[in-house]
């Protein structure tokens, strides 16, 4: 099975668990004071919906979708808008991988590496827009 298909199936299993996104944000916000500060005035209910769509866009990009949505995300996260510095995406990826480990019982370390490759491919598009 390709990385992209493995990740797509895993993401479906993760999304089936209501607490997945809450757990992700607990992990992510605890990863760095700089990360936590970025979310001080954030509507977390809306943010979780954006996250759900954003991860799906990263997976679909790895499966061949044009980078249009990721380029729009890059613009909104650029130094001129939300100012999400490129190094912060490492915290994001690590928090997501940790959360996937806890929520997808079918995921082994080879699967986590597949997730990392898929996420990194799209995150590089977003970082490039900084």
N, C-alpha and C. Protein backbone atom coordinates (compact mmCIF):
# COMPACT_ATOMS: atom_id res chain seq x y z
N UNK A 1 0.84 -1.18 0.00
CA UNK A 1 0.00 0.00 0.00
C UNK A 1 0.89 1.24 0.00
N UNK A 2 0.48 2.26 -0.74
CA UNK A 2 1.27 3.49 -0.79
C UNK A 2 1.16 4.26 0.52
N UNK A 3 2.15 5.12 0.76
CA UNK A 3 2.11 5.99 1.94
C UNK A 3 0.79 6.77 1.98
N UNK A 4 0.41 7.33 0.84
CA UNK A 4 -0.76 8.18 0.77
C UNK A 4 -2.03 7.43 1.14
N UNK A 5 -2.18 6.20 0.65
CA UNK A 5 -3.38 5.42 0.96
C UNK A 5 -3.38 4.95 2.41
N UNK A 6 -2.22 4.57 2.90
CA UNK A 6 -2.10 4.17 4.30
C UNK A 6 -2.50 5.31 5.23
N UNK A 7 -2.00 6.50 4.94
CA UNK A 7 -2.29 7.68 5.74
C UNK A 7 -3.77 8.06 5.62
N UNK A 8 -4.32 7.98 4.43
CA UNK A 8 -5.73 8.31 4.21
C UNK A 8 -6.63 7.42 5.07
N UNK A 9 -6.34 6.14 5.09
CA UNK A 9 -7.12 5.21 5.90
C UNK A 9 -6.92 5.48 7.40
N UNK A 10 -5.69 5.73 7.80
CA UNK A 10 -5.40 6.04 9.19
C UNK A 10 -6.13 7.30 9.63
N UNK A 11 -6.14 8.31 8.78
CA UNK A 11 -6.81 9.56 9.12
C UNK A 11 -8.31 9.32 9.33
N UNK A 12 -8.89 8.48 8.52
CA UNK A 12 -10.29 8.13 8.71
C UNK A 12 -10.54 7.51 10.07
N UNK A 13 -9.65 6.62 10.49
CA UNK A 13 -9.80 6.01 11.82
C UNK A 13 -9.65 7.05 12.92
N UNK A 14 -8.71 7.98 12.76
CA UNK A 14 -8.50 9.02 13.77
C UNK A 14 -9.71 9.95 13.85
N UNK A 15 -10.24 10.34 12.71
CA UNK A 15 -11.39 11.26 12.69
C UNK A 15 -12.63 10.64 13.30
N UNK A 16 -12.71 9.33 13.32
CA UNK A 16 -13.86 8.64 13.90
C UNK A 16 -13.90 8.78 15.42
N UNK A 17 -12.81 9.22 16.01
CA UNK A 17 -12.74 9.39 17.46
C UNK A 17 -12.90 10.88 17.79
N UNK A 18 -13.98 11.20 18.47
CA UNK A 18 -14.30 12.60 18.76
C UNK A 18 -13.17 13.32 19.50
N UNK A 19 -12.44 12.61 20.33
CA UNK A 19 -11.41 13.26 21.15
C UNK A 19 -10.09 13.46 20.42
N UNK A 20 -9.97 12.98 19.21
CA UNK A 20 -8.71 13.08 18.47
C UNK A 20 -8.21 14.52 18.37
N UNK A 21 -9.07 15.43 17.94
CA UNK A 21 -8.63 16.81 17.73
C UNK A 21 -8.37 17.53 19.05
N UNK A 22 -9.16 17.21 20.08
CA UNK A 22 -8.90 17.78 21.41
C UNK A 22 -7.53 17.32 21.91
N UNK A 23 -7.25 16.03 21.77
CA UNK A 23 -5.96 15.50 22.20
C UNK A 23 -4.81 16.12 21.42
N UNK A 24 -5.03 16.30 20.11
CA UNK A 24 -3.98 16.94 19.32
C UNK A 24 -3.67 18.32 19.88
N UNK A 25 -4.69 19.14 20.10
CA UNK A 25 -4.43 20.50 20.56
C UNK A 25 -3.82 20.53 21.96
N UNK A 26 -4.20 19.61 22.84
CA UNK A 26 -3.54 19.54 24.16
C UNK A 26 -2.04 19.28 23.97
N UNK A 27 -1.72 18.33 23.10
CA UNK A 27 -0.32 17.99 22.85
C UNK A 27 0.42 19.14 22.18
N UNK A 28 -0.18 19.71 21.17
CA UNK A 28 0.45 20.78 20.39
C UNK A 28 0.68 22.02 21.26
N UNK A 29 -0.32 22.45 22.00
CA UNK A 29 -0.17 23.66 22.80
C UNK A 29 0.83 23.48 23.94
N UNK A 30 0.98 22.26 24.41
CA UNK A 30 1.95 21.98 25.47
C UNK A 30 3.37 21.84 24.93
N UNK A 31 3.52 21.78 23.62
CA UNK A 31 4.84 21.52 23.02
C UNK A 31 5.80 22.70 23.09
N UNK A 32 5.26 23.92 23.21
CA UNK A 32 6.11 25.11 23.20
C UNK A 32 5.32 26.32 23.66
N UNK A 33 5.91 27.16 24.50
CA UNK A 33 5.24 28.41 24.88
C UNK A 33 4.93 29.29 23.66
N UNK A 34 5.81 29.24 22.68
CA UNK A 34 5.61 30.02 21.46
C UNK A 34 4.36 29.54 20.71
N UNK A 35 4.15 28.23 20.68
CA UNK A 35 2.96 27.67 20.05
C UNK A 35 1.73 28.10 20.84
N UNK A 36 1.76 27.90 22.14
CA UNK A 36 0.60 28.22 22.98
C UNK A 36 0.21 29.69 22.83
N UNK A 37 1.19 30.57 22.74
CA UNK A 37 0.93 32.00 22.61
C UNK A 37 0.17 32.31 21.31
N UNK A 38 0.43 31.58 20.26
CA UNK A 38 -0.25 31.81 18.98
C UNK A 38 -1.74 31.52 19.06
N UNK A 39 -2.17 30.75 20.04
CA UNK A 39 -3.57 30.34 20.14
C UNK A 39 -4.32 31.03 21.29
N UNK A 40 -3.74 32.06 21.85
CA UNK A 40 -4.31 32.73 23.02
C UNK A 40 -5.75 33.18 22.79
N UNK A 41 -6.05 33.75 21.66
CA UNK A 41 -7.39 34.31 21.40
C UNK A 41 -8.10 33.55 20.27
N UNK A 42 -7.87 32.26 20.19
CA UNK A 42 -8.42 31.45 19.11
C UNK A 42 -9.72 30.78 19.52
N UNK A 43 -10.68 30.79 18.62
CA UNK A 43 -11.92 30.03 18.79
C UNK A 43 -11.57 28.58 18.48
N UNK A 44 -11.39 27.79 19.52
CA UNK A 44 -10.89 26.42 19.33
C UNK A 44 -11.90 25.49 18.66
N UNK A 45 -13.18 25.76 18.80
CA UNK A 45 -14.18 24.94 18.10
C UNK A 45 -13.99 25.11 16.59
N UNK A 46 -13.89 26.36 16.16
CA UNK A 46 -13.67 26.63 14.74
C UNK A 46 -12.30 26.13 14.30
N UNK A 47 -11.30 26.28 15.15
CA UNK A 47 -9.94 25.86 14.83
C UNK A 47 -9.87 24.36 14.56
N UNK A 48 -10.61 23.57 15.34
CA UNK A 48 -10.60 22.12 15.15
C UNK A 48 -11.19 21.74 13.79
N UNK A 49 -12.19 22.49 13.34
CA UNK A 49 -12.75 22.23 12.01
C UNK A 49 -11.74 22.59 10.92
N UNK A 50 -11.03 23.70 11.13
CA UNK A 50 -9.98 24.08 10.17
C UNK A 50 -8.87 23.04 10.13
N UNK A 51 -8.51 22.53 11.30
CA UNK A 51 -7.48 21.50 11.37
C UNK A 51 -7.90 20.25 10.62
N UNK A 52 -9.14 19.83 10.85
CA UNK A 52 -9.66 18.63 10.18
C UNK A 52 -9.52 18.77 8.66
N UNK A 53 -9.93 19.92 8.13
CA UNK A 53 -9.83 20.16 6.69
C UNK A 53 -8.37 20.31 6.25
N UNK A 54 -7.56 20.95 7.07
CA UNK A 54 -6.16 21.16 6.71
C UNK A 54 -5.39 19.87 6.59
N UNK A 55 -5.59 18.97 7.53
CA UNK A 55 -4.90 17.68 7.45
C UNK A 55 -5.36 16.93 6.20
N UNK A 56 -6.67 16.96 5.94
CA UNK A 56 -7.18 16.29 4.74
C UNK A 56 -6.54 16.89 3.48
N UNK A 57 -6.38 18.21 3.44
CA UNK A 57 -5.74 18.83 2.28
C UNK A 57 -4.29 18.41 2.13
N UNK A 58 -3.58 18.23 3.23
CA UNK A 58 -2.21 17.73 3.16
C UNK A 58 -2.17 16.32 2.59
N UNK A 59 -3.09 15.48 3.04
CA UNK A 59 -3.15 14.10 2.55
C UNK A 59 -3.53 14.08 1.07
N UNK A 60 -4.52 14.88 0.69
CA UNK A 60 -4.95 14.91 -0.71
C UNK A 60 -3.86 15.47 -1.62
N UNK A 61 -3.11 16.43 -1.12
CA UNK A 61 -1.97 16.96 -1.91
C UNK A 61 -0.96 15.85 -2.17
N UNK A 62 -0.67 15.06 -1.15
CA UNK A 62 0.28 13.95 -1.32
C UNK A 62 -0.27 12.91 -2.31
N UNK A 63 -1.59 12.84 -2.43
CA UNK A 63 -2.23 11.91 -3.36
C UNK A 63 -2.38 12.51 -4.76
N UNK A 64 -1.92 13.74 -4.97
CA UNK A 64 -1.92 14.31 -6.31
C UNK A 64 -2.78 15.55 -6.52
N UNK A 65 -3.50 16.00 -5.50
CA UNK A 65 -4.30 17.21 -5.62
C UNK A 65 -3.36 18.39 -5.84
N UNK A 66 -3.73 19.33 -6.71
CA UNK A 66 -2.89 20.52 -6.89
C UNK A 66 -2.72 21.28 -5.57
N UNK A 67 -1.65 22.05 -5.44
CA UNK A 67 -1.34 22.70 -4.16
C UNK A 67 -2.17 23.95 -3.86
N UNK A 68 -3.23 24.21 -4.60
CA UNK A 68 -4.01 25.44 -4.46
C UNK A 68 -4.43 25.72 -3.02
N UNK A 69 -5.02 24.74 -2.34
CA UNK A 69 -5.48 24.95 -0.96
C UNK A 69 -4.31 25.17 -0.02
N UNK A 70 -3.21 24.45 -0.25
CA UNK A 70 -2.04 24.62 0.60
C UNK A 70 -1.40 25.99 0.37
N UNK A 71 -1.44 26.47 -0.85
CA UNK A 71 -0.90 27.79 -1.13
C UNK A 71 -1.74 28.87 -0.45
N UNK A 72 -3.04 28.68 -0.39
CA UNK A 72 -3.92 29.63 0.32
C UNK A 72 -3.61 29.58 1.82
N UNK A 73 -3.39 28.38 2.33
CA UNK A 73 -3.02 28.23 3.74
C UNK A 73 -1.67 28.90 4.01
N UNK A 74 -0.75 28.73 3.08
CA UNK A 74 0.57 29.37 3.22
C UNK A 74 0.42 30.88 3.30
N UNK A 75 -0.45 31.44 2.47
CA UNK A 75 -0.67 32.89 2.49
C UNK A 75 -1.26 33.34 3.83
N UNK A 76 -2.25 32.61 4.33
CA UNK A 76 -2.88 33.02 5.60
C UNK A 76 -1.93 32.85 6.79
N UNK A 77 -0.95 31.95 6.67
CA UNK A 77 0.01 31.71 7.75
C UNK A 77 1.32 32.47 7.55
N UNK A 78 1.42 33.26 6.51
CA UNK A 78 2.67 33.95 6.17
C UNK A 78 3.02 35.03 7.18
N UNK A 79 4.21 35.57 7.04
CA UNK A 79 4.69 36.64 7.94
C UNK A 79 3.79 37.87 7.87
N UNK A 80 3.04 38.02 6.78
CA UNK A 80 2.19 39.20 6.60
C UNK A 80 0.80 39.03 7.21
N UNK A 81 0.46 37.81 7.62
CA UNK A 81 -0.88 37.57 8.17
C UNK A 81 -0.75 36.98 9.57
N UNK A 82 -0.82 35.67 9.73
CA UNK A 82 -0.76 35.06 11.07
C UNK A 82 0.67 34.95 11.61
N UNK A 83 1.65 35.11 10.75
CA UNK A 83 3.07 35.06 11.12
C UNK A 83 3.44 33.76 11.85
N UNK A 84 3.12 32.64 11.21
CA UNK A 84 3.49 31.33 11.74
C UNK A 84 4.88 31.01 11.21
N UNK A 85 5.85 31.14 12.07
CA UNK A 85 7.25 30.96 11.66
C UNK A 85 7.50 29.50 11.23
N UNK A 86 8.33 29.31 10.22
CA UNK A 86 8.54 27.97 9.66
C UNK A 86 8.93 26.90 10.68
N UNK A 87 9.70 27.25 11.70
CA UNK A 87 10.14 26.23 12.66
C UNK A 87 8.98 25.68 13.50
N UNK A 88 7.87 26.42 13.59
CA UNK A 88 6.74 25.95 14.40
C UNK A 88 6.04 24.74 13.79
N UNK A 89 6.21 24.53 12.51
CA UNK A 89 5.57 23.36 11.87
C UNK A 89 6.17 22.05 12.36
N UNK A 90 7.39 22.07 12.82
CA UNK A 90 7.98 20.85 13.39
C UNK A 90 7.23 20.44 14.65
N UNK A 91 6.86 21.42 15.48
CA UNK A 91 6.05 21.12 16.66
C UNK A 91 4.70 20.54 16.24
N UNK A 92 4.13 21.12 15.20
CA UNK A 92 2.82 20.69 14.70
C UNK A 92 2.88 19.23 14.23
N UNK A 93 3.88 18.93 13.40
CA UNK A 93 4.02 17.56 12.90
C UNK A 93 4.24 16.59 14.04
N UNK A 94 5.15 16.92 14.95
CA UNK A 94 5.44 16.00 16.06
C UNK A 94 4.22 15.78 16.95
N UNK A 95 3.45 16.83 17.22
CA UNK A 95 2.24 16.69 18.03
C UNK A 95 1.21 15.82 17.31
N UNK A 96 1.10 16.00 16.00
CA UNK A 96 0.14 15.20 15.25
C UNK A 96 0.56 13.73 15.23
N UNK A 97 1.84 13.47 15.00
CA UNK A 97 2.31 12.08 15.00
C UNK A 97 2.11 11.42 16.36
N UNK A 98 2.37 12.15 17.44
CA UNK A 98 2.14 11.61 18.78
C UNK A 98 0.66 11.29 19.00
N UNK A 99 -0.20 12.17 18.52
CA UNK A 99 -1.65 11.96 18.68
C UNK A 99 -2.12 10.78 17.85
N UNK A 100 -1.60 10.64 16.66
CA UNK A 100 -1.96 9.49 15.80
C UNK A 100 -1.54 8.19 16.48
N UNK A 101 -0.36 8.16 17.05
CA UNK A 101 0.10 6.96 17.77
C UNK A 101 -0.90 6.54 18.83
N UNK A 102 -1.48 7.51 19.52
CA UNK A 102 -2.42 7.21 20.61
C UNK A 102 -3.81 6.82 20.11
N UNK A 103 -4.18 7.28 18.92
CA UNK A 103 -5.57 7.10 18.47
C UNK A 103 -5.76 6.08 17.36
N UNK A 104 -4.72 5.67 16.70
CA UNK A 104 -4.89 4.67 15.64
C UNK A 104 -4.15 3.41 16.04
N UNK A 105 -4.87 2.42 16.57
CA UNK A 105 -4.23 1.20 17.04
C UNK A 105 -3.59 0.38 15.91
N UNK A 106 -3.95 0.68 14.67
CA UNK A 106 -3.36 -0.05 13.54
C UNK A 106 -2.05 0.56 13.06
N UNK A 107 -1.67 1.70 13.62
CA UNK A 107 -0.49 2.40 13.17
C UNK A 107 0.76 1.90 13.88
N UNK A 108 1.71 1.44 13.11
CA UNK A 108 3.01 1.04 13.65
C UNK A 108 4.04 2.12 13.28
N UNK A 109 5.28 1.91 13.63
CA UNK A 109 6.29 2.94 13.35
C UNK A 109 6.52 3.15 11.86
N UNK A 110 6.37 2.12 11.05
CA UNK A 110 6.47 2.30 9.59
C UNK A 110 5.34 3.20 9.11
N UNK A 111 4.16 3.02 9.67
CA UNK A 111 3.03 3.87 9.31
C UNK A 111 3.23 5.31 9.76
N UNK A 112 3.82 5.48 10.93
CA UNK A 112 4.11 6.84 11.42
C UNK A 112 5.13 7.51 10.50
N UNK A 113 6.10 6.77 10.02
CA UNK A 113 7.06 7.34 9.06
C UNK A 113 6.35 7.73 7.76
N UNK A 114 5.38 6.94 7.34
CA UNK A 114 4.59 7.28 6.15
C UNK A 114 3.83 8.59 6.39
N UNK A 115 3.21 8.70 7.56
CA UNK A 115 2.53 9.94 7.93
C UNK A 115 3.51 11.11 7.85
N UNK A 116 4.68 10.94 8.41
CA UNK A 116 5.68 12.02 8.43
C UNK A 116 6.03 12.44 7.01
N UNK A 117 6.23 11.49 6.13
CA UNK A 117 6.57 11.82 4.73
C UNK A 117 5.43 12.58 4.06
N UNK A 118 4.20 12.11 4.26
CA UNK A 118 3.04 12.75 3.64
C UNK A 118 2.86 14.17 4.18
N UNK A 119 2.92 14.33 5.49
CA UNK A 119 2.75 15.66 6.08
C UNK A 119 3.85 16.62 5.65
N UNK A 120 5.07 16.15 5.68
CA UNK A 120 6.22 17.00 5.35
C UNK A 120 6.13 17.52 3.92
N UNK A 121 5.66 16.68 3.00
CA UNK A 121 5.53 17.11 1.60
C UNK A 121 4.65 18.36 1.50
N UNK A 122 3.50 18.34 2.15
CA UNK A 122 2.59 19.48 2.10
C UNK A 122 3.03 20.64 2.97
N UNK A 123 3.58 20.35 4.12
CA UNK A 123 4.03 21.40 5.02
C UNK A 123 5.14 22.22 4.36
N UNK A 124 5.94 21.60 3.53
CA UNK A 124 6.98 22.34 2.82
C UNK A 124 6.37 23.40 1.90
N UNK A 125 5.21 23.13 1.32
CA UNK A 125 4.51 24.13 0.51
C UNK A 125 4.12 25.31 1.40
N UNK A 126 3.59 25.01 2.57
CA UNK A 126 3.14 26.06 3.49
C UNK A 126 4.34 26.86 4.02
N UNK A 127 5.38 26.16 4.42
CA UNK A 127 6.59 26.87 4.89
C UNK A 127 7.14 27.78 3.81
N UNK A 128 7.08 27.31 2.57
CA UNK A 128 7.62 28.08 1.45
C UNK A 128 6.91 29.41 1.24
N UNK A 129 5.70 29.54 1.76
CA UNK A 129 4.95 30.79 1.62
C UNK A 129 5.21 31.80 2.70
N UNK A 130 6.08 31.44 3.64
CA UNK A 130 6.32 32.34 4.76
C UNK A 130 6.91 33.65 4.28
